[in-house]
């Protein structure tokens, strides 16, 4: 695919045109060029935001622009070249997985990418965590073909992050518009039923809503660090009953001689990955029927991202028995999945929730995202947060039906979020910042 965009104004590229094309592998984009769009080196985002907010009376626009710039200066491990290439090189995506890479790249002729988007042609709806199987069934009953579809996402990863990876600079707005237009054009060329941009940031959600994408929301549960120095400081913010419950759960999780260890950096040996993969296969096979990630993925990610990964591993009687994998962002600890070959009361809560809080406090991270779903997380201090996705539907009839459904669904999600927030375990005399 190749399409022309608008000519670039100003500087040495005046008269050049943006070109959008798709590549069948992230390996076709040099890592440094991809990461310059995905995770640009943090610049003085606050200074830029302050400048924008001091602009010529454009307060509302400035606030939105400052929010977008803040997002561009947050390191997210999942959109990095290292993570996405580990998925492809390990065979976790591609081949017969039903995830075929068709990443979009926006650039000028002979220039480095100005924007990219991690995009996949899908032949099913597994591994996405934003559920559209009902849409597919309805469309197929009406005689349509829902697959293939395009998914702009990080495979198997329900974590919010930028999806329109635009390099900061004077041409960022043009490149962002070119990505949105390019996704719609790629949908047409692939004869896909639609484009689904999932777990996008809120600024992207709003931007795509202005470009014919339908808007969908859902809920996750995140822990927020209110400047706690210790886990006990966090417990002090909870009601007495919740404090007592968590202390008991942590004590019971380790009652049978279980010890917990944080493995990161050079401690992520092949032996550690072997043990963790056994946990993943044991639990994943029971939960999903077929685990998504191959053993090779862990070795590849562990080699290139070892300082961005921490395994919370449980040991008993001299052997590893359970573990949870987390990825470390600039502000957030992302809990992904866990597994176990021995089952002990509350060990899942200890490894996935409480150890993550301990780590975030120790490393002054502001947030823990503990994955999809799970209202039980509220009692452990994880509060409901809205997640966002945007959906371009090619067929007008299907689009109308989904649009009507999403109006009702968004209202339900908002009401459910408010209801769950009222279940917060925090002391009533504390005032928590609203979402």
Protein backbone atom coordinates (compact mmCIF):
# COMPACT_ATOMS: atom_id res chain seq x y z
CA UNK A 1 0.00 0.00 0.00
CA UNK A 2 1.20 3.49 -0.77
CA UNK A 3 -0.73 6.73 -0.72
CA UNK A 4 0.19 10.38 -0.91
CA UNK A 5 -0.66 12.88 1.75
CA UNK A 6 -0.40 16.63 2.05
CA UNK A 7 2.77 18.52 1.16
CA UNK A 8 4.89 19.46 4.15
CA UNK A 9 5.20 23.15 4.87
CA UNK A 10 8.36 24.89 5.98
CA UNK A 11 11.98 23.90 6.63
CA UNK A 12 14.16 21.80 4.36
CA UNK A 13 11.34 19.41 3.44
CA UNK A 14 9.17 22.06 1.82
CA UNK A 15 7.36 20.62 -1.16
CA UNK A 16 7.86 17.02 -0.02
CA UNK A 17 4.80 14.86 0.44
CA UNK A 18 3.90 12.44 3.17
CA UNK A 19 3.66 8.85 2.00
CA UNK A 20 1.86 6.08 3.88
CA UNK A 21 2.78 2.46 3.33
CA UNK A 22 2.39 -0.86 5.12
CA UNK A 23 5.18 -3.28 6.01
CA UNK A 24 4.78 -6.99 6.69
CA UNK A 25 7.27 -7.09 9.54
CA UNK A 26 8.51 -4.66 12.14
CA UNK A 27 11.98 -5.81 11.14
CA UNK A 28 11.55 -3.70 8.00
CA UNK A 29 11.70 -0.58 10.16
CA UNK A 30 15.02 0.07 11.94
CA UNK A 31 14.62 -0.09 15.71
CA UNK A 32 15.90 3.44 16.28
CA UNK A 33 13.46 4.86 13.73
CA UNK A 34 10.47 2.98 15.17
CA UNK A 35 11.34 3.94 18.74
CA UNK A 36 11.80 7.60 17.77
CA UNK A 37 8.07 7.51 17.04
CA UNK A 38 6.96 5.07 19.75
CA UNK A 39 9.04 6.16 22.71
CA UNK A 40 10.75 9.46 21.89
CA UNK A 41 13.35 10.53 24.42
CA UNK A 42 11.56 12.44 27.18
CA UNK A 43 11.86 16.13 26.48
CA UNK A 44 10.65 19.05 28.53
CA UNK A 45 6.98 18.14 28.15
CA UNK A 46 5.97 20.29 31.09
CA UNK A 47 7.76 23.29 29.60
CA UNK A 48 6.09 22.70 26.25
CA UNK A 49 2.71 22.36 27.96
CA UNK A 50 3.29 25.56 29.89
CA UNK A 51 4.14 27.36 26.65
CA UNK A 52 1.02 26.04 25.00
CA UNK A 53 -1.18 27.02 27.92
CA UNK A 54 0.26 30.52 27.74
CA UNK A 55 -0.77 30.77 24.09
CA UNK A 56 -2.99 33.29 22.40
CA UNK A 57 -6.32 32.57 24.09
CA UNK A 58 -6.58 28.95 22.94
CA UNK A 59 -7.00 27.54 26.44
CA UNK A 60 -9.13 24.52 25.55
CA UNK A 61 -6.93 23.50 22.64
CA UNK A 62 -3.81 24.08 24.72
CA UNK A 63 -5.00 21.80 27.49
CA UNK A 64 -5.71 19.00 25.03
CA UNK A 65 -2.37 19.54 23.31
CA UNK A 66 -0.53 19.48 26.64
CA UNK A 67 -2.24 16.19 27.51
CA UNK A 68 -1.16 14.70 24.19
CA UNK A 69 2.44 15.87 24.64
CA UNK A 70 2.52 14.31 28.10
CA UNK A 71 1.47 11.00 26.52
CA UNK A 72 4.26 11.27 23.95
CA UNK A 73 6.83 11.56 26.72
CA UNK A 74 5.81 8.43 28.61
CA UNK A 75 7.86 5.30 28.00
CA UNK A 76 5.62 2.33 27.26
CA UNK A 77 7.45 -1.00 26.89
CA UNK A 78 4.77 -2.67 24.79
CA UNK A 79 4.99 -0.34 21.80
CA UNK A 80 8.78 -0.56 21.70
CA UNK A 81 10.53 -2.19 18.77
CA UNK A 82 12.05 -4.73 21.18
CA UNK A 83 8.69 -6.00 22.42
CA UNK A 84 6.91 -6.09 19.07
CA UNK A 85 9.86 -7.71 17.31
CA UNK A 86 10.06 -10.38 20.05
CA UNK A 87 6.44 -11.26 19.30
CA UNK A 88 7.17 -11.62 15.59
CA UNK A 89 10.57 -13.34 15.81
CA UNK A 90 9.27 -15.86 18.34
CA UNK A 91 6.33 -16.90 16.18
CA UNK A 92 3.82 -15.67 18.77
CA UNK A 93 2.32 -13.58 15.95
CA UNK A 94 2.53 -14.31 12.24
CA UNK A 95 2.39 -17.77 10.70
CA UNK A 96 -0.81 -19.56 11.66
CA UNK A 97 -1.50 -17.34 14.68
CA UNK A 98 -4.17 -15.29 12.93
CA UNK A 99 -2.14 -12.11 13.58
CA UNK A 100 -0.42 -10.95 10.38
CA UNK A 101 1.66 -7.81 10.70
CA UNK A 102 0.76 -4.91 8.41
CA UNK A 103 2.29 -1.99 10.29
CA UNK A 104 1.70 1.47 8.90
CA UNK A 105 4.58 3.88 8.31
CA UNK A 106 4.28 7.57 7.40
CA UNK A 107 7.37 9.21 5.91
CA UNK A 108 8.64 11.40 3.12
CA UNK A 109 10.48 9.83 0.21
CA UNK A 110 13.92 8.91 1.48
CA UNK A 111 13.20 10.25 4.97
CA UNK A 112 12.90 8.59 8.36
CA UNK A 113 9.41 7.68 9.61
CA UNK A 114 7.37 10.53 11.02
CA UNK A 115 4.72 8.17 12.40
CA UNK A 116 3.99 4.45 12.71
CA UNK A 117 1.15 2.26 13.94
CA UNK A 118 1.32 -1.39 15.08
CA UNK A 119 -1.32 -2.97 12.86
CA UNK A 120 -2.34 -6.58 12.21
CA UNK A 121 -4.69 -8.34 9.83
CA UNK A 122 -6.84 -10.63 11.98
CA UNK A 123 -8.75 -13.78 11.03
CA UNK A 124 -10.34 -14.13 14.48
CA UNK A 125 -10.96 -12.03 17.61
CA UNK A 126 -8.78 -13.85 20.14
CA UNK A 127 -6.07 -12.21 22.21
CA UNK A 128 -7.56 -8.71 22.07
CA UNK A 129 -9.48 -8.20 25.37
CA UNK A 130 -11.94 -5.83 23.73
CA UNK A 131 -14.68 -8.23 22.80
CA UNK A 132 -16.41 -7.96 19.44
CA UNK A 133 -17.44 -11.55 18.82
CA UNK A 134 -21.10 -10.54 19.10
CA UNK A 135 -20.57 -8.01 16.32
CA UNK A 136 -18.97 -10.69 14.16
CA UNK A 137 -21.79 -13.18 14.72
CA UNK A 138 -24.49 -10.61 13.95
CA UNK A 139 -22.74 -9.53 10.75
CA UNK A 140 -22.22 -13.10 9.60
CA UNK A 141 -25.90 -13.95 10.27
CA UNK A 142 -26.76 -11.02 8.02
CA UNK A 143 -24.58 -12.47 5.26
CA UNK A 144 -21.46 -10.37 5.78
CA UNK A 145 -17.83 -11.38 6.33
CA UNK A 146 -16.43 -9.88 9.52
CA UNK A 147 -12.95 -11.31 8.92
CA UNK A 148 -10.45 -10.19 7.91
CA UNK A 149 -10.37 -7.13 10.11
CA UNK A 150 -7.53 -4.78 11.05
CA UNK A 151 -6.37 -4.53 14.66
CA UNK A 152 -4.22 -1.60 15.79
CA UNK A 153 -3.01 -2.96 19.08
CA UNK A 154 -0.30 -4.75 20.97
CA UNK A 155 -1.16 -8.45 20.66
CA UNK A 156 -2.28 -10.23 23.84
CA UNK A 157 -1.68 -7.07 25.90
CA UNK A 158 -4.64 -5.25 27.50
CA UNK A 159 -2.59 -2.22 28.53
CA UNK A 160 -3.34 1.36 27.55
CA UNK A 161 -0.72 3.08 25.41
CA UNK A 162 -0.29 5.17 22.30
CA UNK A 163 -1.35 3.47 19.09
CA UNK A 164 -0.76 6.32 16.64
CA UNK A 165 2.97 6.60 17.18
CA UNK A 166 3.74 10.08 15.97
CA UNK A 167 7.21 11.52 16.25
CA UNK A 168 7.16 14.92 17.97
CA UNK A 169 7.96 17.77 15.63
CA UNK A 170 6.50 20.44 13.40
CA UNK A 171 4.77 17.89 11.14
CA UNK A 172 3.18 15.78 13.90
CA UNK A 173 -0.39 16.84 13.17
CA UNK A 174 -0.07 16.11 9.46
CA UNK A 175 1.50 12.71 10.20
CA UNK A 176 -1.26 11.84 12.68
CA UNK A 177 -3.94 12.69 10.13
CA UNK A 178 -2.09 10.63 7.53
CA UNK A 179 -2.14 7.61 9.86
CA UNK A 180 -5.89 7.88 10.41
CA UNK A 181 -6.53 8.21 6.68
CA UNK A 182 -4.04 5.44 5.93
CA UNK A 183 -5.81 3.01 8.26
CA UNK A 184 -9.11 3.60 6.48
CA UNK A 185 -7.44 3.19 3.08
CA UNK A 186 -5.72 -0.02 4.21
CA UNK A 187 -9.08 -1.33 5.37
CA UNK A 188 -10.45 -0.75 1.86
CA UNK A 189 -7.45 -2.34 0.11
CA UNK A 190 -7.55 -5.42 2.36
CA UNK A 191 -11.34 -5.68 1.97
CA UNK A 192 -11.52 -5.78 5.77
CA UNK A 193 -14.72 -5.19 7.70
CA UNK A 194 -13.16 -2.53 9.86
CA UNK A 195 -10.26 -1.11 11.86
CA UNK A 196 -10.14 -1.57 15.64
CA UNK A 197 -7.79 0.64 17.65
CA UNK A 198 -7.82 -0.87 21.12
CA UNK A 199 -6.48 0.34 24.49
CA UNK A 200 -5.70 3.70 22.97
CA UNK A 201 -4.98 6.82 24.99
CA UNK A 202 -7.85 9.19 25.64
CA UNK A 203 -6.45 11.90 23.29
CA UNK A 204 -6.25 9.29 20.49
CA UNK A 205 -9.78 8.14 21.32
CA UNK A 206 -11.06 11.69 20.88
CA UNK A 207 -8.96 12.30 17.76
CA UNK A 208 -10.19 9.16 16.02
CA UNK A 209 -13.75 10.01 16.98
CA UNK A 210 -13.33 13.05 14.73
CA UNK A 211 -12.23 10.76 11.87
CA UNK A 212 -15.29 8.50 11.54
CA UNK A 213 -14.24 6.00 14.22
CA UNK A 214 -16.88 4.83 16.70
CA UNK A 215 -15.99 5.21 20.35
CA UNK A 216 -16.04 2.41 22.91
CA UNK A 217 -15.17 2.39 26.61
CA UNK A 218 -14.57 -0.26 29.23
CA UNK A 219 -13.14 -0.57 32.74
CA UNK A 220 -9.91 -1.82 34.25
CA UNK A 221 -8.57 -1.57 37.79
CA UNK A 222 -5.38 0.37 38.52
CA UNK A 223 -3.52 1.17 41.71
CA UNK A 224 -2.40 4.76 42.21
CA UNK A 225 0.62 5.68 44.30
CA UNK A 226 -0.22 8.61 46.55
CA UNK A 227 3.38 9.16 47.54
CA UNK A 228 3.56 6.15 49.86
CA UNK A 229 6.97 5.42 51.37
CA UNK A 230 6.09 1.85 52.42
CA UNK A 231 3.37 -0.75 51.96
CA UNK A 232 2.24 0.04 55.52
CA UNK A 233 1.69 3.65 54.44
CA UNK A 234 -0.64 2.34 51.75
CA UNK A 235 -2.44 0.13 54.27
CA UNK A 236 -2.90 3.14 56.54
CA UNK A 237 -5.00 4.74 53.81
CA UNK A 238 -7.47 1.82 53.91
CA UNK A 239 -10.34 1.14 56.25
CA UNK A 240 -9.40 -0.93 59.30
CA UNK A 241 -11.31 -3.97 58.03
CA UNK A 242 -9.54 -3.91 54.65
CA UNK A 243 -6.14 -3.49 56.31
CA UNK A 244 -6.80 -6.55 58.43
CA UNK A 245 -7.93 -8.60 55.44
CA UNK A 246 -4.87 -7.74 53.33
CA UNK A 247 -2.45 -8.49 56.16
CA UNK A 248 -4.11 -11.86 56.66
CA UNK A 249 -3.98 -12.65 52.93
CA UNK A 250 -0.28 -11.78 52.72
CA UNK A 251 0.48 -13.88 55.78
CA UNK A 252 -1.50 -16.89 54.52
CA UNK A 253 0.08 -16.70 51.05
CA UNK A 254 3.52 -17.36 52.58
CA UNK A 255 2.38 -19.70 55.37
CA UNK A 256 3.72 -22.93 53.84
CA UNK A 257 7.35 -21.91 53.60
CA UNK A 258 6.83 -19.86 50.43
CA UNK A 259 9.29 -17.06 49.74
CA UNK A 260 9.01 -14.35 47.08
CA UNK A 261 11.87 -13.04 44.93
CA UNK A 262 12.09 -10.21 42.40
CA UNK A 263 14.10 -11.21 39.33
CA UNK A 264 15.21 -8.58 36.86
CA UNK A 265 18.22 -7.71 34.71
CA UNK A 266 20.89 -10.42 34.72
CA UNK A 267 18.76 -12.53 37.08
CA UNK A 268 16.45 -13.32 34.17
CA UNK A 269 18.32 -16.48 33.22
CA UNK A 270 17.13 -19.17 30.85
CA UNK A 271 16.45 -21.38 33.87
CA UNK A 272 14.18 -18.71 35.32
CA UNK A 273 12.36 -18.41 31.99
CA UNK A 274 11.99 -22.18 31.78
CA UNK A 275 10.31 -22.20 35.17
CA UNK A 276 8.07 -19.26 34.35
CA UNK A 277 7.05 -20.73 31.01
CA UNK A 278 5.96 -23.90 32.81
CA UNK A 279 3.73 -21.75 35.02
CA UNK A 280 2.37 -19.90 32.01
CA UNK A 281 1.55 -23.10 30.15
CA UNK A 282 -0.07 -24.73 33.17
CA UNK A 283 -2.32 -21.80 34.00
CA UNK A 284 -2.79 -20.52 30.44
CA UNK A 285 -3.92 -23.89 29.14
CA UNK A 286 -6.63 -24.06 31.78
CA UNK A 287 -7.71 -20.43 31.40
CA UNK A 288 -7.55 -19.82 27.64
CA UNK A 289 -7.31 -23.29 26.12
CA UNK A 290 -4.21 -22.30 24.12
CA UNK A 291 -1.57 -19.95 25.50
CA UNK A 292 -0.61 -17.22 23.05
CA UNK A 293 3.11 -16.74 23.71
CA UNK A 294 5.87 -19.15 22.72
CA UNK A 295 8.83 -20.07 24.88
CA UNK A 296 11.12 -18.20 22.49
CA UNK A 297 9.30 -14.94 23.20
CA UNK A 298 10.54 -14.89 26.79
CA UNK A 299 14.15 -15.45 25.80
CA UNK A 300 14.02 -12.72 23.16
CA UNK A 301 12.25 -10.19 25.39
CA UNK A 302 14.48 -11.14 28.30
CA UNK A 303 17.58 -10.46 26.20
CA UNK A 304 16.58 -7.02 24.91
CA UNK A 305 14.30 -5.80 27.70
CA UNK A 306 15.81 -7.34 30.81
CA UNK A 307 15.93 -4.04 32.66
CA UNK A 308 12.29 -3.40 31.78
CA UNK A 309 11.01 -6.73 33.14
CA UNK A 310 10.56 -7.97 36.68
CA UNK A 311 9.39 -11.47 37.57
CA UNK A 312 7.72 -11.89 40.94
CA UNK A 313 8.68 -15.51 41.63
CA UNK A 314 7.57 -17.75 44.50
CA UNK A 315 9.80 -20.54 45.77
CA UNK A 316 9.05 -23.41 48.13
CA UNK A 317 11.28 -26.29 49.20
CA UNK A 318 14.06 -25.12 46.90
CA UNK A 319 12.08 -24.87 43.65
CA UNK A 320 10.11 -22.21 41.84
CA UNK A 321 6.36 -22.84 42.14
CA UNK A 322 4.67 -19.71 40.77
CA UNK A 323 5.42 -16.39 39.12
CA UNK A 324 4.00 -13.18 37.67
CA UNK A 325 5.59 -11.13 34.89
CA UNK A 326 5.60 -7.33 34.95
CA UNK A 327 6.93 -4.76 32.49
CA UNK A 328 8.33 -1.47 33.76
CA UNK A 329 7.34 1.81 32.12
CA UNK A 330 8.53 5.29 32.95
CA UNK A 331 5.59 5.84 35.32
CA UNK A 332 3.74 2.53 35.42
CA UNK A 333 4.31 -1.09 36.38
CA UNK A 334 2.32 -3.25 33.97
CA UNK A 335 1.29 -6.61 35.38
CA UNK A 336 0.70 -9.07 32.57
CA UNK A 337 0.10 -12.72 33.40
CA UNK A 338 0.89 -15.24 36.07
CA UNK A 339 1.03 -19.00 36.51
CA UNK A 340 1.62 -21.65 39.15
CA UNK A 341 2.35 -25.36 39.47
CA UNK A 342 1.41 -25.41 43.16
CA UNK A 343 -1.65 -23.74 44.57
CA UNK A 344 -1.58 -21.88 47.87
CA UNK A 345 -4.30 -19.61 49.30
CA UNK A 346 -3.92 -15.98 48.21
CA UNK A 347 -0.61 -16.59 46.41
CA UNK A 348 -2.13 -15.13 43.24
CA UNK A 349 -3.04 -11.93 45.11
CA UNK A 350 0.41 -11.75 46.68
CA UNK A 351 2.38 -12.12 43.44
CA UNK A 352 0.13 -10.13 41.13
CA UNK A 353 -1.20 -7.32 43.33
CA UNK A 354 0.67 -6.86 46.60
CA UNK A 355 4.19 -7.46 45.30
CA UNK A 356 3.44 -5.12 42.41
CA UNK A 357 2.45 -2.41 44.89
CA UNK A 358 5.62 -3.07 46.89
CA UNK A 359 7.72 -2.72 43.74
CA UNK A 360 5.96 0.45 42.59
CA UNK A 361 6.47 2.08 45.99
CA UNK A 362 10.13 1.05 46.12
CA UNK A 363 10.78 2.43 42.63
CA UNK A 364 8.53 5.50 42.92
CA UNK A 365 6.24 4.45 40.09
CA UNK A 366 2.92 6.25 40.03
CA UNK A 367 0.63 3.47 38.81
CA UNK A 368 0.19 -0.29 38.70
CA UNK A 369 -1.94 -1.66 35.87
CA UNK A 370 -2.82 -5.23 36.77
CA UNK A 371 -4.39 -6.37 33.51
CA UNK A 372 -7.96 -6.82 32.34
CA UNK A 373 -11.14 -7.35 34.34
CA UNK A 374 -11.34 -8.40 37.99
CA UNK A 375 -13.69 -6.51 40.32
CA UNK A 376 -12.01 -8.36 43.21
CA UNK A 377 -9.08 -5.98 42.72
CA UNK A 378 -11.08 -3.14 44.29
CA UNK A 379 -10.77 -4.68 47.75
CA UNK A 380 -6.98 -4.70 47.21
CA UNK A 381 -6.82 -0.97 46.48
CA UNK A 382 -7.11 -1.09 42.68
CA UNK A 383 -9.72 1.39 41.49
CA UNK A 384 -11.82 1.44 38.28
CA UNK A 385 -10.33 3.36 35.35
CA UNK A 386 -11.87 3.89 31.95
CA UNK A 387 -10.18 2.34 28.93
CA UNK A 388 -10.76 3.52 25.38
CA UNK A 389 -10.96 2.03 21.90
CA UNK A 390 -12.00 3.35 18.50
CA UNK A 391 -13.60 1.38 15.68
CA UNK A 392 -13.96 2.19 12.01
CA UNK A 393 -16.72 0.02 10.50
CA UNK A 394 -16.81 -0.11 6.70
CA UNK A 395 -20.35 -1.40 6.16
CA UNK A 396 -22.89 1.43 6.77
CA UNK A 397 -25.56 -0.94 8.11
CA UNK A 398 -23.23 -2.64 10.56
CA UNK A 399 -21.84 0.75 11.54
CA UNK A 400 -25.30 2.08 12.42
CA UNK A 401 -26.13 -0.99 14.51
CA UNK A 402 -22.82 -0.85 16.41
CA UNK A 403 -23.11 2.90 16.94
CA UNK A 404 -26.52 2.45 18.56
CA UNK A 405 -25.19 -0.35 20.74
CA UNK A 406 -22.18 1.68 21.85
CA UNK A 407 -24.35 4.55 23.09
CA UNK A 408 -25.98 2.14 25.55
CA UNK A 409 -22.72 0.40 26.39
CA UNK A 410 -20.86 3.63 27.19
CA UNK A 411 -23.67 4.67 29.54
CA UNK A 412 -23.53 1.29 31.25
CA UNK A 413 -19.75 1.41 31.63
CA UNK A 414 -19.91 4.89 33.15
CA UNK A 415 -22.64 3.88 35.60
CA UNK A 416 -20.85 0.66 36.55
CA UNK A 417 -17.61 2.57 37.08
CA UNK A 418 -19.30 5.02 39.43
CA UNK A 419 -20.91 2.16 41.34
CA UNK A 420 -17.61 0.32 41.69
CA UNK A 421 -15.77 3.48 42.74
CA UNK A 422 -18.24 3.75 45.63
CA UNK A 423 -16.88 0.38 46.83
CA UNK A 424 -13.42 1.85 47.39
CA UNK A 425 -11.62 0.33 50.38
CA UNK A 426 -10.02 3.66 51.32
CA UNK A 427 -10.83 5.52 54.51
CA UNK A 428 -13.76 7.85 54.15
CA UNK A 429 -11.81 10.74 55.65
CA UNK A 430 -9.35 10.60 52.75
CA UNK A 431 -10.10 12.46 49.53
CA UNK A 432 -8.89 10.61 46.45
CA UNK A 433 -8.28 12.40 43.19
CA UNK A 434 -11.06 11.64 40.70
CA UNK A 435 -10.15 9.90 37.46
